[in-house]
Structures are given as structure tokens and as C-alpha cells.
Amino acid sequence: QVQLVESGGGLVQAGDSLRLSCAASGGTFSSYAMGWFRQAPGKEREFVAAISWSGGSTYYADSVKGRFTISRVNAKNTVYLQMNSLKPEDTAVYYCAAARGMVSYNDYISRARYDVWGQGTQVTVSS
């Protein structure tokens, strides 16, 4: 199966942008649906965005819709999360995750359906 490594996190001010990357290795990246999740201190890990294996379908949490964009380049074994208009409440550790056999919207947004996870990258948004 694939291994995942996130990068691109950092400290930014409210209103700024960041692009997170998640590089995959060791497997057939194009066969996996990919998701981004985040976990703030003291909170559960929550769904942020997901993309189908082909890139043809994308899904977003309501809290980021219109501000974040998920994309993938299968030739580069990489999935991205472009984050614009960042808010302090976006502060969290961001994780990418991979899964196979996704069928429904509920599959894509469910943390339990993903079986490969990266180590996370910290995003801090100051006010």
C-alpha cells in the first residue's frame, strides 16, 4: 500500500493562503481516493475535503467550502489542498489519507474508511 508524506504547513495570518501537498510512494496512487482531515487541540479529527481516484469528484466540509480546493496530479503521485482566506479556526494538524473502494458521499467523509494516513503537518493561523 502507499505511504503518505504531507508538507506545506506553517504559520500565517488570517486571510492568507497556504497550499498543502501530500506525496505518495510505494503503491498505485491512482487507484486510491484521497482525503484531507484536520485535528485541532482537544478536538476529534474531522473531515476537510476528499477527491476521487480520477479527480472527477470532490467533496468538502461546509466550513471550508468556497475557500479550500482539493486537487491531484496522478502523474506526480501527489494530492494538494489549496487553502485561501484562512481563519484562526482553521488552525490544526492537517492529515492526508488514502482509501480504496469509495462509493458514496458518506464513504468519502468518513474517517474510518481511510486506511492509510500521513504524519500530519501543522497549520497555524493567527488573528
Foldseek 3Di string as FASTA:
>chain_A
DKAKAKDWADEEAAQAKTKMKIAIDDDQLLQKKKFKWWDDPPGDIFGAKIAHSVRPDIDGDPVQPPFWDWGDDSVRRMIMIIGGRDDQVVWTWMKMFIAHDDDDPVLGGDPVRTDHIYPTDTHGYHD
